[in-house]
Protein backbone atom coordinates (compact mmCIF):
# COMPACT_ATOMS: atom_id res chain seq x y z
CA MET A 1 0.09 0.11 0.06
CA ALA A 2 1.52 3.20 1.03
CA ARG A 3 4.80 1.72 2.04
CA GLN A 4 6.06 1.92 -1.53
CA PHE A 5 6.05 5.58 -1.36
CA LEU A 6 7.86 5.93 1.75
CA GLN A 7 11.63 6.12 2.52
CA MET A 8 13.03 4.59 5.61
CA TRP A 9 13.59 7.11 8.28
CA PRO A 10 16.64 6.66 10.23
CA GLY A 11 16.15 5.55 13.91
CA PHE A 12 17.22 3.57 17.01
CA PRO A 13 17.41 0.70 17.12
CA GLU A 14 16.38 0.48 13.62
CA SER A 15 15.01 2.46 10.75
CA LYS A 16 11.27 2.57 10.18
CA PRO A 17 8.92 3.93 7.49
CA ALA A 18 7.73 6.72 10.07
CA ALA A 19 8.78 9.14 12.58
CA LEU A 20 7.26 9.79 15.98
CA MET A 21 5.84 13.32 15.99
CA MET A 22 4.89 15.21 19.26
CA ASP A 23 1.63 16.77 19.45
CA VAL A 24 1.91 20.67 19.49
CA PHE A 25 -1.74 21.59 18.61
CA HIS A 26 -5.09 19.87 18.18
CA ASP A 27 -8.34 21.88 17.63
CA GLY A 28 -10.66 19.04 18.28
CA GLU A 29 -10.43 15.93 20.65
CA PRO A 30 -12.53 13.07 19.34
CA ALA A 31 -15.04 11.33 21.86
CA SER A 32 -15.08 8.30 19.45
CA MET A 33 -14.16 7.61 15.84
CA ASP A 34 -17.96 7.35 14.90
CA ASN A 35 -18.72 10.64 16.33
CA TRP A 36 -15.55 12.22 14.90
CA ARG A 37 -15.81 11.03 11.26
CA GLY A 38 -19.66 10.44 11.05
CA SER A 39 -20.93 10.84 7.65
CA ARG A 40 -19.60 14.23 6.78
CA PRO A 41 -17.82 14.38 3.44
CA VAL A 42 -14.06 15.25 3.07
CA GLU A 43 -13.40 17.14 -0.18
CA ARG A 44 -9.74 17.99 0.60
CA SER A 45 -7.02 16.63 2.96
CA VAL A 46 -4.19 19.20 3.44
CA GLY A 47 -0.83 18.48 5.03
CA SER A 48 1.87 21.07 5.17
CA LEU A 49 5.59 21.29 6.44
CA ALA A 50 7.09 24.16 8.08
CA ARG A 51 10.82 24.60 9.64
CA LEU A 52 10.81 25.90 13.15
CA LYS A 53 13.88 27.73 14.46
CA PRO A 54 14.94 25.65 17.22
CA GLU A 55 15.30 28.39 19.86
CA MET A 56 11.72 29.25 19.24
CA TYR A 57 10.44 25.76 20.10
CA SER A 58 9.13 26.31 23.63
CA SER A 59 7.50 29.53 22.55
CA TYR A 60 5.75 27.95 19.73
CA VAL A 61 4.44 25.18 22.01
CA PHE A 62 3.46 27.48 24.64
CA TYR A 63 1.37 29.79 22.45
CA HIS A 64 -0.41 26.70 20.84
CA TYR A 65 -1.19 25.26 24.15
CA GLN A 66 -2.51 28.40 25.32
CA LYS A 67 -4.60 28.81 22.28
CA GLN A 68 -5.87 25.18 22.42
CA GLU A 69 -6.69 25.27 25.79
CA GLU A 70 -8.39 28.87 25.92
CA ARG A 71 -10.40 28.33 22.69
CA PRO A 72 -10.82 24.63 22.17
CA SER A 73 -12.73 23.87 19.07
CA GLY A 74 -12.34 27.06 17.46
CA PHE A 75 -11.98 26.61 13.78
CA ASN A 76 -11.49 23.05 12.50
CA GLN A 77 -11.72 19.89 14.59
CA THR A 78 -9.48 18.14 12.23
CA TYR A 79 -6.64 20.55 12.58
CA ARG A 80 -3.47 19.01 13.91
CA ILE A 81 0.03 20.03 14.13
CA GLY A 82 2.85 17.48 15.25
CA ALA A 83 6.54 18.28 15.57
CA HIS A 84 9.72 16.09 15.03
CA GLU A 85 12.74 17.80 15.83
CA ASN A 86 12.43 21.33 14.26
CA MET A 87 10.15 19.97 11.51
CA LEU A 88 6.39 21.01 11.85
CA PHE A 89 3.67 18.78 10.03
CA SER A 90 0.13 20.25 9.94
CA TYR A 91 -2.94 18.44 8.78
CA PHE A 92 -6.66 19.29 8.22
CA GLU A 93 -9.61 18.44 6.21
CA LEU A 94 -11.92 20.51 4.19
CA PRO A 95 -14.58 21.52 4.62
CA ALA A 96 -13.77 22.69 8.07
CA THR A 97 -15.97 21.25 10.60
CA LEU A 98 -16.48 22.07 14.42
CA GLU A 99 -17.24 19.45 17.10
CA TYR A 100 -20.43 19.94 19.04
CA PRO A 101 -20.54 20.35 21.94
CA LYS A 102 -17.54 22.22 22.27
CA ARG A 103 -15.31 20.84 25.10
CA GLU A 104 -15.00 23.06 28.09
CA ALA A 105 -11.69 25.35 28.05
CA ARG A 106 -9.14 24.09 30.54
CA LEU A 107 -7.59 27.56 31.00
CA LYS A 108 -9.86 30.16 32.13
CA THR A 109 -7.64 33.08 30.87
CA ASN A 110 -7.68 35.11 27.90
CA HIS A 111 -4.11 35.58 26.72
CA THR A 112 -3.97 34.08 23.23
CA PRO A 113 -2.41 36.95 21.10
CA GLN A 114 -5.13 38.83 18.76
CA ASP A 115 -2.47 39.19 15.88
CA TRP A 116 -1.90 35.46 15.69
CA HIS A 117 0.30 35.57 12.46
CA ALA A 118 2.61 38.40 13.67
CA VAL A 119 3.41 36.58 16.77
CA MET A 120 3.87 33.23 15.03
CA GLN A 121 6.07 34.71 12.07
CA PRO A 122 9.36 35.02 13.82
CA HIS A 123 9.13 31.14 15.14
CA PHE A 124 9.75 29.80 11.37
CA ILE A 125 12.69 29.10 9.06
CA PRO A 126 11.03 30.42 5.74
CA TRP A 127 11.08 28.08 2.79
CA GLU A 128 12.72 29.59 -0.47
CA ALA A 129 10.11 31.14 -2.72
CA GLU A 130 8.94 28.99 -5.74
CA GLY A 131 7.38 29.69 -8.93
CA GLU A 132 5.01 32.73 -8.78
CA GLU A 133 5.21 32.91 -4.92
CA ALA A 134 6.12 36.63 -4.27
CA GLU A 135 8.04 35.86 -0.96
CA PRO A 136 9.14 32.96 0.96
CA ALA A 137 6.49 30.70 2.62
CA LEU A 138 6.34 29.49 6.14
CA TRP A 139 4.16 26.35 5.47
CA ARG A 140 4.87 24.26 2.37
CA GLU A 141 1.87 22.31 1.23
CA LEU A 142 2.56 18.55 0.49
CA GLN A 143 1.34 16.65 -2.54
CA LEU A 144 -1.22 14.00 -1.75
CA ILE A 145 0.06 10.78 -2.99
CA TYR A 146 -2.09 8.19 -1.21
CA GLN A 147 -5.57 8.22 0.54
CA TYR A 148 -7.11 5.86 2.66
CA GLU A 149 -11.07 5.77 2.56
CA ARG A 150 -12.78 3.74 5.47
CA ALA A 151 -15.25 1.54 3.91
CA ASP A 152 -18.70 1.61 5.90
């Protein structure tokens, strides 16, 4: 299946076709797979990569945890960010959906920055501009090469 498209990732004690990623952010938390996936259509799956400045790692995680716990279920229940070393991987599905009922916020504060993108920008090592891009991108969208669809 998908293994034919993967290169082996160096690891200890042996190489493997996947790398462990630490959870940095998740907008939703599934109560169950049936509840989570339901019968909603998925028109597009989007995965992207970004490079994080190593010295900004803890700040990046801090802001994302704060946002996730002050404003749970804020914009797309499928949105996830994982980290492996200084590489970030994000994933989400379109159309965006919100989980209901929204889970209760674990932080009773309101410190998430209003100008989110301005606060996030210094955390990244930009990719070189490609093609018609006017400036270097922070996130580079990946090409979908394999998609699994669960049979009902």
